[in-house]
Amino acid sequence: MPYILKTYETGTTLSQTSDAPQATGGFEEYAQAGWVPAAAGLGLQRDGVYRLDDPMPGGVKRKIRIVAIGAGLNAFTYVRDGVA
């Protein structure tokens, strides 16, 4: 699975997905679905800072800030805050 959500402070893995991020139209804002375990049950905090890693060769580790959590769609929306 090419995207791994981790805590920012300790790098603990929270969830992963193979769904690609979808641009929302906001500056550096993306929605991403398909999290296992489900995003709604992870205890994510709105405005919380997390790390999103792409473990593929040359993949980027990004610092992200959660802006919305979609319980029914197993998705969340985030803003990229730079490289982790």
N, C-alpha and C. Protein backbone atom coordinates (compact mmCIF):
# COMPACT_ATOMS: atom_id res chain seq x y z
N MET A 1 0.86 -1.18 0.00
CA MET A 1 0.00 0.00 0.00
C MET A 1 0.89 1.23 0.00
N PRO A 2 0.66 2.15 -0.89
CA PRO A 2 1.64 3.21 -1.08
C PRO A 2 1.56 4.42 -0.15
N TYR A 3 0.57 4.51 0.73
CA TYR A 3 0.51 5.67 1.63
C TYR A 3 0.32 5.18 3.06
N ILE A 4 1.17 5.67 3.95
CA ILE A 4 1.13 5.27 5.35
C ILE A 4 0.97 6.52 6.21
N LEU A 5 -0.09 6.53 7.04
CA LEU A 5 -0.33 7.63 7.96
C LEU A 5 0.34 7.30 9.29
N LYS A 6 1.12 8.26 9.80
CA LYS A 6 1.86 8.06 11.05
C LYS A 6 1.67 9.26 11.96
N THR A 7 1.93 9.05 13.25
CA THR A 7 1.97 10.18 14.16
C THR A 7 3.18 11.03 13.76
N TYR A 8 3.09 12.32 13.97
CA TYR A 8 4.20 13.18 13.58
C TYR A 8 5.34 13.10 14.59
N GLU A 9 4.99 13.03 15.87
CA GLU A 9 6.00 13.08 16.92
C GLU A 9 6.85 11.82 16.99
N THR A 10 6.20 10.64 16.94
CA THR A 10 6.93 9.39 17.16
C THR A 10 7.07 8.52 15.92
N GLY A 11 6.31 8.80 14.87
CA GLY A 11 6.37 7.99 13.66
C GLY A 11 5.64 6.67 13.77
N THR A 12 4.75 6.54 14.77
CA THR A 12 3.96 5.33 14.93
C THR A 12 2.96 5.21 13.79
N THR A 13 2.89 4.05 13.15
CA THR A 13 1.95 3.84 12.06
C THR A 13 0.53 3.77 12.58
N LEU A 14 -0.37 4.56 11.98
CA LEU A 14 -1.78 4.57 12.36
C LEU A 14 -2.65 3.82 11.36
N SER A 15 -2.40 3.98 10.07
CA SER A 15 -3.24 3.41 9.04
C SER A 15 -2.51 3.47 7.71
N GLN A 16 -3.07 2.79 6.70
CA GLN A 16 -2.48 2.83 5.36
C GLN A 16 -3.57 2.69 4.31
N THR A 17 -3.26 3.15 3.10
CA THR A 17 -4.20 3.07 1.99
C THR A 17 -3.45 2.97 0.67
N SER A 18 -4.10 2.37 -0.30
CA SER A 18 -3.55 2.36 -1.65
C SER A 18 -4.26 3.38 -2.53
N ASP A 19 -5.27 4.09 -1.99
CA ASP A 19 -5.99 5.12 -2.74
C ASP A 19 -5.12 6.38 -2.86
N ALA A 20 -5.05 6.91 -4.05
CA ALA A 20 -4.26 8.12 -4.29
C ALA A 20 -4.99 9.34 -3.74
N PRO A 21 -4.25 10.36 -3.30
CA PRO A 21 -4.89 11.60 -2.86
C PRO A 21 -5.55 12.32 -4.03
N GLN A 22 -6.67 12.97 -3.74
CA GLN A 22 -7.42 13.72 -4.75
C GLN A 22 -7.40 15.19 -4.37
N ALA A 23 -6.95 16.05 -5.27
CA ALA A 23 -6.93 17.49 -5.01
C ALA A 23 -8.36 17.99 -4.81
N THR A 24 -8.55 18.88 -3.84
CA THR A 24 -9.88 19.42 -3.54
C THR A 24 -10.12 20.78 -4.17
N GLY A 25 -9.07 21.39 -4.69
CA GLY A 25 -9.19 22.73 -5.24
C GLY A 25 -8.60 23.78 -4.34
N GLY A 26 -8.41 23.45 -3.06
CA GLY A 26 -7.73 24.35 -2.14
C GLY A 26 -6.23 24.24 -2.31
N PHE A 27 -5.50 25.24 -1.89
CA PHE A 27 -4.05 25.24 -2.03
C PHE A 27 -3.44 24.13 -1.18
N GLU A 28 -2.76 23.18 -1.83
CA GLU A 28 -2.11 22.05 -1.16
C GLU A 28 -3.08 21.24 -0.32
N GLU A 29 -4.38 21.22 -0.69
CA GLU A 29 -5.39 20.48 0.07
C GLU A 29 -5.82 19.25 -0.72
N TYR A 30 -5.89 18.12 -0.03
CA TYR A 30 -6.20 16.84 -0.67
C TYR A 30 -7.15 16.03 0.20
N ALA A 31 -7.99 15.23 -0.45
CA ALA A 31 -8.83 14.24 0.22
C ALA A 31 -8.26 12.88 -0.13
N GLN A 32 -8.28 11.97 0.84
CA GLN A 32 -7.76 10.64 0.59
C GLN A 32 -8.62 9.63 1.33
N ALA A 33 -9.01 8.56 0.64
CA ALA A 33 -9.93 7.56 1.18
C ALA A 33 -9.25 6.20 1.27
N GLY A 34 -10.03 5.20 1.75
CA GLY A 34 -9.60 3.81 1.74
C GLY A 34 -8.68 3.40 2.86
N TRP A 35 -8.72 4.08 3.99
CA TRP A 35 -7.78 3.80 5.08
C TRP A 35 -8.12 2.50 5.79
N VAL A 36 -7.09 1.71 6.12
CA VAL A 36 -7.23 0.47 6.87
C VAL A 36 -6.25 0.52 8.02
N PRO A 37 -6.66 0.54 9.30
CA PRO A 37 -8.07 0.61 9.71
C PRO A 37 -8.71 1.93 9.33
N ALA A 38 -10.04 1.97 9.42
CA ALA A 38 -10.84 3.09 8.94
C ALA A 38 -10.46 4.41 9.61
N ALA A 39 -10.43 5.45 8.82
CA ALA A 39 -10.04 6.78 9.30
C ALA A 39 -10.90 7.25 10.47
N ALA A 40 -12.20 6.97 10.42
CA ALA A 40 -13.11 7.45 11.46
C ALA A 40 -12.79 6.88 12.83
N GLY A 41 -12.18 5.71 12.90
CA GLY A 41 -11.88 5.07 14.18
C GLY A 41 -10.48 5.32 14.69
N LEU A 42 -9.72 6.17 14.05
CA LEU A 42 -8.32 6.38 14.42
C LEU A 42 -8.11 7.42 15.51
N GLY A 43 -9.15 8.17 15.83
CA GLY A 43 -8.98 9.24 16.83
C GLY A 43 -8.23 10.43 16.29
N LEU A 44 -8.28 10.65 14.98
CA LEU A 44 -7.61 11.80 14.38
C LEU A 44 -8.25 13.09 14.89
N GLN A 45 -7.46 14.12 15.00
CA GLN A 45 -7.94 15.42 15.47
C GLN A 45 -7.92 16.42 14.33
N ARG A 46 -9.01 17.15 14.19
CA ARG A 46 -9.03 18.24 13.22
C ARG A 46 -7.97 19.25 13.62
N ASP A 47 -7.20 19.74 12.68
CA ASP A 47 -6.05 20.61 12.87
C ASP A 47 -4.85 19.89 13.49
N GLY A 48 -4.97 18.56 13.66
CA GLY A 48 -3.85 17.77 14.15
C GLY A 48 -2.80 17.60 13.06
N VAL A 49 -1.55 17.51 13.48
CA VAL A 49 -0.43 17.36 12.55
C VAL A 49 0.01 15.90 12.56
N TYR A 50 0.16 15.34 11.36
CA TYR A 50 0.53 13.94 11.18
C TYR A 50 1.58 13.85 10.09
N ARG A 51 2.05 12.63 9.86
CA ARG A 51 3.01 12.39 8.79
C ARG A 51 2.38 11.42 7.81
N LEU A 52 2.54 11.67 6.53
CA LEU A 52 2.03 10.81 5.48
C LEU A 52 3.22 10.38 4.63
N ASP A 53 3.54 9.08 4.69
CA ASP A 53 4.71 8.56 3.99
C ASP A 53 4.31 7.79 2.75
N ASP A 54 5.08 7.97 1.70
CA ASP A 54 4.98 7.15 0.50
C ASP A 54 6.22 6.25 0.52
N PRO A 55 6.06 4.96 0.86
CA PRO A 55 7.22 4.09 1.04
C PRO A 55 7.85 3.58 -0.25
N MET A 56 7.32 3.97 -1.39
CA MET A 56 7.90 3.54 -2.66
C MET A 56 9.29 4.17 -2.82
N PRO A 57 10.17 3.56 -3.60
CA PRO A 57 11.50 4.15 -3.81
C PRO A 57 11.38 5.60 -4.28
N GLY A 58 12.04 6.48 -3.57
CA GLY A 58 11.97 7.91 -3.89
C GLY A 58 10.73 8.59 -3.35
N GLY A 59 9.90 7.86 -2.58
CA GLY A 59 8.67 8.41 -2.02
C GLY A 59 8.95 9.50 -1.01
N VAL A 60 8.01 10.43 -0.89
CA VAL A 60 8.17 11.59 -0.02
C VAL A 60 7.47 11.35 1.31
N LYS A 61 8.08 11.84 2.38
CA LYS A 61 7.47 11.85 3.70
C LYS A 61 6.99 13.27 3.94
N ARG A 62 5.67 13.44 4.08
CA ARG A 62 5.10 14.78 4.19
C ARG A 62 4.52 15.05 5.57
N LYS A 63 4.64 16.28 5.99
CA LYS A 63 3.95 16.76 7.18
C LYS A 63 2.59 17.25 6.70
N ILE A 64 1.51 16.74 7.33
CA ILE A 64 0.16 17.15 6.93
C ILE A 64 -0.63 17.63 8.14
N ARG A 65 -1.66 18.43 7.87
CA ARG A 65 -2.58 18.91 8.90
C ARG A 65 -3.98 18.51 8.46
N ILE A 66 -4.69 17.78 9.31
CA ILE A 66 -6.04 17.31 9.01
C ILE A 66 -7.02 18.50 9.08
N VAL A 67 -7.85 18.65 8.04
CA VAL A 67 -8.84 19.72 8.03
C VAL A 67 -10.27 19.19 8.12
N ALA A 68 -10.50 17.90 7.78
CA ALA A 68 -11.83 17.31 7.88
C ALA A 68 -11.70 15.80 7.90
N ILE A 69 -12.64 15.14 8.61
CA ILE A 69 -12.67 13.69 8.69
C ILE A 69 -14.05 13.24 8.25
N GLY A 70 -14.11 12.42 7.19
CA GLY A 70 -15.38 11.94 6.66
C GLY A 70 -15.66 10.53 7.12
N ALA A 71 -16.44 10.37 8.18
CA ALA A 71 -16.70 9.06 8.77
C ALA A 71 -17.34 8.10 7.79
N GLY A 72 -18.35 8.54 7.05
CA GLY A 72 -19.06 7.65 6.16
C GLY A 72 -18.25 7.21 4.96
N LEU A 73 -17.29 8.01 4.54
CA LEU A 73 -16.52 7.71 3.34
C LEU A 73 -15.16 7.10 3.65
N ASN A 74 -14.85 6.90 4.93
CA ASN A 74 -13.54 6.39 5.33
C ASN A 74 -12.43 7.23 4.69
N ALA A 75 -12.56 8.54 4.84
CA ALA A 75 -11.62 9.46 4.21
C ALA A 75 -11.34 10.63 5.15
N PHE A 76 -10.27 11.34 4.85
CA PHE A 76 -10.04 12.62 5.51
C PHE A 76 -9.42 13.57 4.50
N THR A 77 -9.54 14.84 4.82
CA THR A 77 -8.99 15.90 3.98
C THR A 77 -7.85 16.54 4.76
N TYR A 78 -6.78 16.82 4.05
CA TYR A 78 -5.60 17.39 4.72
C TYR A 78 -4.95 18.44 3.85
N VAL A 79 -4.12 19.24 4.51
CA VAL A 79 -3.29 20.24 3.84
C VAL A 79 -1.84 19.82 4.04
N ARG A 80 -1.08 19.86 2.97
CA ARG A 80 0.34 19.57 3.08
C ARG A 80 1.03 20.75 3.74
N ASP A 81 1.79 20.47 4.80
CA ASP A 81 2.52 21.51 5.52
C ASP A 81 4.03 21.42 5.29
N GLY A 82 4.46 20.63 4.31
CA GLY A 82 5.87 20.52 4.01
C GLY A 82 6.36 19.10 4.09
N VAL A 83 7.66 18.95 4.07
CA VAL A 83 8.30 17.64 4.12
C VAL A 83 8.61 17.32 5.57
N ALA A 84 8.35 16.06 5.97
CA ALA A 84 8.59 15.65 7.37
C ALA A 84 10.03 15.26 7.59
